[in-house]
Amino acid sequence: QGDAQADLPEVSASQLSYVIYTSGSTGQPKPVGVPHRAAVNLAYARQGHDPIGEGDRILAAISVGFDVSIGQLLLPLLSGATIVIAPPLSQLQAEAFWALLQRHGVTHINSVPSFFDTVCEALPPQGYTGLKRLMLGGEVLTGALARKLQQRLPGTTLVNMYGPTEACIDA
């Protein structure tokens, strides 16, 4: 049948990967073009800081219309980790969320603080000890919520990912 890759055009690191619309620091929505290089650099930088591997399971529950989903999908593909595809978090009740994590052995989550503020109180009494890394962004992570999460999820690294998206997803 021939080489299937022969039909694919070559893609350079400087070519456009995706476009997001952000208000940035101006308060006015504007398009920002993100090249392939930026997405790949972000994945490798994250992998260098806190490596994930074949035994890790990354929760993918963020809409592909939100740039954070790119990191959720690209990093597992580069590292051999498993992607656990879940319904959008807004569709899950708190108890169902914790049951999903337990059932699939989720080790890494990228979400928003307001969701975890809602589900934190529903954490089962035995807790959830499988979570290695919880990255929260898209809105302000308060000190009170950070302390509550650290108490309820001991052993989990909590990362505040709030920052400009123009650089490629987060800062």
Protein backbone atom coordinates (compact mmCIF):
# COMPACT_ATOMS: atom_id res chain seq x y z
CA GLN A 1 0.00 0.00 0.00
CA GLY A 2 2.98 2.31 0.26
CA ASP A 3 4.23 4.59 2.99
CA ALA A 4 1.30 6.42 4.62
CA GLN A 5 3.63 9.11 5.98
CA ALA A 6 4.73 10.03 2.47
CA ASP A 7 1.36 11.77 2.00
CA LEU A 8 1.74 13.96 5.09
CA PRO A 9 3.25 17.43 4.68
CA GLU A 10 6.25 18.29 6.82
CA VAL A 11 5.47 20.57 9.75
CA SER A 12 8.04 23.00 11.11
CA ALA A 13 8.40 24.10 14.71
CA SER A 14 7.55 27.69 13.77
CA GLN A 15 4.24 26.85 12.10
CA LEU A 16 0.98 27.65 13.83
CA SER A 17 -0.27 24.94 16.16
CA TYR A 18 -3.41 26.65 17.46
CA VAL A 19 -5.01 30.05 18.18
CA ILE A 20 -6.47 31.12 21.51
CA TYR A 21 -8.44 34.23 22.37
CA THR A 22 -7.35 35.94 25.57
CA SER A 23 -7.79 39.31 27.20
CA GLY A 24 -4.25 39.20 28.52
CA SER A 25 -3.33 42.33 30.39
CA THR A 26 -5.40 44.63 28.15
CA GLY A 27 -8.88 43.47 29.13
CA GLN A 28 -9.77 43.29 25.42
CA PRO A 29 -10.05 39.88 23.72
CA LYS A 30 -7.33 39.29 21.17
CA PRO A 31 -6.16 36.25 19.19
CA VAL A 32 -2.78 34.76 20.03
CA GLY A 33 -1.16 32.32 17.61
CA VAL A 34 0.88 29.58 19.32
CA PRO A 35 3.50 27.75 17.23
CA HIS A 36 4.24 24.02 17.51
CA ARG A 37 7.57 24.90 19.15
CA ALA A 38 5.83 26.48 22.15
CA ALA A 39 3.60 23.48 22.86
CA VAL A 40 6.47 21.00 22.55
CA ASN A 41 8.78 23.19 24.68
CA LEU A 42 6.12 23.37 27.39
CA ALA A 43 5.73 19.57 27.40
CA TYR A 44 9.49 19.03 27.66
CA ALA A 45 9.85 21.70 30.37
CA ARG A 46 7.13 20.06 32.46
CA GLN A 47 8.71 16.67 31.91
CA GLY A 48 12.07 18.04 33.09
CA HIS A 49 10.56 19.58 36.22
CA ASP A 50 8.29 16.74 37.37
CA PRO A 51 8.63 13.73 35.06
CA ILE A 52 5.70 11.48 34.33
CA GLY A 53 6.05 8.04 32.85
CA GLU A 54 4.38 4.82 31.87
CA GLY A 55 2.85 4.20 35.30
CA ASP A 56 1.17 7.61 35.50
CA ARG A 57 -2.45 8.30 34.60
CA ILE A 58 -3.41 11.83 33.51
CA LEU A 59 -7.03 12.99 33.83
CA ALA A 60 -8.32 14.60 30.63
CA ALA A 61 -11.58 16.32 31.51
CA ILE A 62 -11.04 19.81 30.08
CA SER A 63 -12.72 20.81 26.81
CA VAL A 64 -10.44 20.74 23.76
CA GLY A 65 -11.59 24.33 23.21
CA PHE A 66 -9.48 25.36 26.22
CA ASP A 67 -5.71 25.46 25.65
CA VAL A 68 -4.99 23.53 28.87
CA SER A 69 -6.28 20.41 27.10
CA ILE A 70 -3.21 20.48 24.86
CA GLY A 71 -0.92 19.87 27.82
CA GLN A 72 -3.23 17.15 29.13
CA LEU A 73 -2.94 15.26 25.86
CA LEU A 74 0.56 16.06 24.60
CA LEU A 75 2.57 15.19 27.72
CA PRO A 76 1.15 11.67 28.11
CA LEU A 77 1.74 11.01 24.43
CA LEU A 78 5.39 12.06 24.78
CA SER A 79 6.00 10.10 27.99
CA GLY A 80 4.02 6.89 27.62
CA ALA A 81 1.59 7.78 30.43
CA THR A 82 -2.08 6.83 30.18
CA ILE A 83 -4.74 9.41 29.39
CA VAL A 84 -7.93 8.88 31.40
CA ILE A 85 -10.70 10.54 29.39
CA ALA A 86 -13.51 11.72 31.66
CA PRO A 87 -16.68 13.73 31.16
CA PRO A 88 -16.27 17.48 31.68
CA LEU A 89 -15.69 18.12 35.37
CA SER A 90 -18.75 20.37 35.50
CA GLN A 91 -20.89 17.30 34.75
CA LEU A 92 -19.54 15.27 37.67
CA GLN A 93 -20.92 15.32 41.19
CA ALA A 94 -18.20 15.48 43.85
CA GLU A 95 -18.62 11.86 44.96
CA ALA A 96 -18.55 10.63 41.35
CA PHE A 97 -15.36 12.61 40.75
CA TRP A 98 -13.47 10.95 43.62
CA ALA A 99 -14.82 7.53 42.58
CA LEU A 100 -13.57 8.13 39.02
CA LEU A 101 -10.07 8.96 40.29
CA GLN A 102 -10.00 5.86 42.48
CA ARG A 103 -11.38 3.56 39.77
CA HIS A 104 -8.81 4.68 37.19
CA GLY A 105 -5.83 5.36 39.48
CA VAL A 106 -5.42 8.99 38.34
CA THR A 107 -2.03 10.44 39.35
CA HIS A 108 -2.08 13.90 37.69
CA ILE A 109 -4.84 16.50 37.30
CA ASN A 110 -4.94 19.97 35.75
CA SER A 111 -8.07 21.89 36.72
CA VAL A 112 -9.43 25.13 38.14
CA PRO A 113 -9.45 26.11 41.83
CA SER A 114 -13.22 26.66 42.01
CA PHE A 115 -13.88 23.02 41.05
CA PHE A 116 -11.58 21.71 43.77
CA ASP A 117 -13.07 24.13 46.29
CA THR A 118 -16.41 22.45 45.55
CA VAL A 119 -15.26 18.81 45.61
CA CYS A 120 -12.74 19.03 48.44
CA GLU A 121 -15.37 18.60 51.16
CA ALA A 122 -16.65 15.42 49.48
CA LEU A 123 -13.27 13.70 49.63
CA PRO A 124 -13.90 10.26 51.14
CA PRO A 125 -12.75 9.81 54.78
CA GLN A 126 -9.99 7.43 53.64
CA GLY A 127 -8.80 10.22 51.32
CA TYR A 128 -7.27 9.75 47.92
CA THR A 129 -3.56 9.01 48.14
CA GLY A 130 -2.88 8.18 44.47
CA LEU A 131 -2.73 11.79 43.31
CA LYS A 132 0.89 12.86 42.78
CA ARG A 133 0.36 16.28 41.21
CA LEU A 134 -2.55 18.74 41.21
CA MET A 135 -2.09 21.73 38.91
CA LEU A 136 -4.63 24.52 39.33
CA GLY A 137 -4.95 27.55 37.05
CA GLY A 138 -7.32 29.66 35.02
CA GLU A 139 -8.34 31.61 38.11
CA VAL A 140 -6.84 32.69 41.43
CA LEU A 141 -5.85 29.93 43.86
CA THR A 142 -6.46 31.36 47.33
CA GLY A 143 -4.18 30.60 50.24
CA ALA A 144 -7.13 29.16 52.17
CA LEU A 145 -7.94 26.66 49.42
CA ALA A 146 -4.26 25.74 48.98
CA ARG A 147 -4.00 24.97 52.71
CA LYS A 148 -7.23 22.95 52.66
CA LEU A 149 -6.06 20.90 49.67
CA GLN A 150 -2.66 20.24 51.25
CA GLN A 151 -4.41 18.96 54.40
CA ARG A 152 -6.93 16.81 52.51
CA LEU A 153 -4.47 15.48 49.90
CA PRO A 154 -1.21 14.79 51.77
CA GLY A 155 1.64 13.73 49.55
CA THR A 156 0.18 15.55 46.54
CA THR A 157 2.28 18.30 44.96
CA LEU A 158 0.05 21.35 44.52
CA VAL A 159 1.08 23.70 41.71
CA ASN A 160 -0.40 27.16 41.16
CA MET A 161 -0.52 27.46 37.36
CA TYR A 162 -2.30 30.82 37.26
CA GLY A 163 -0.61 33.07 34.75
CA PRO A 164 -0.58 34.40 31.21
CA THR A 165 -1.58 32.01 28.46
CA GLU A 166 0.12 33.88 25.63
CA ALA A 167 3.41 32.08 26.34
CA CYS A 168 1.70 28.71 25.75
CA ILE A 169 -0.99 27.55 28.16
CA ASP A 170 0.45 28.82 31.44
CA ALA A 171 3.44 30.33 33.14
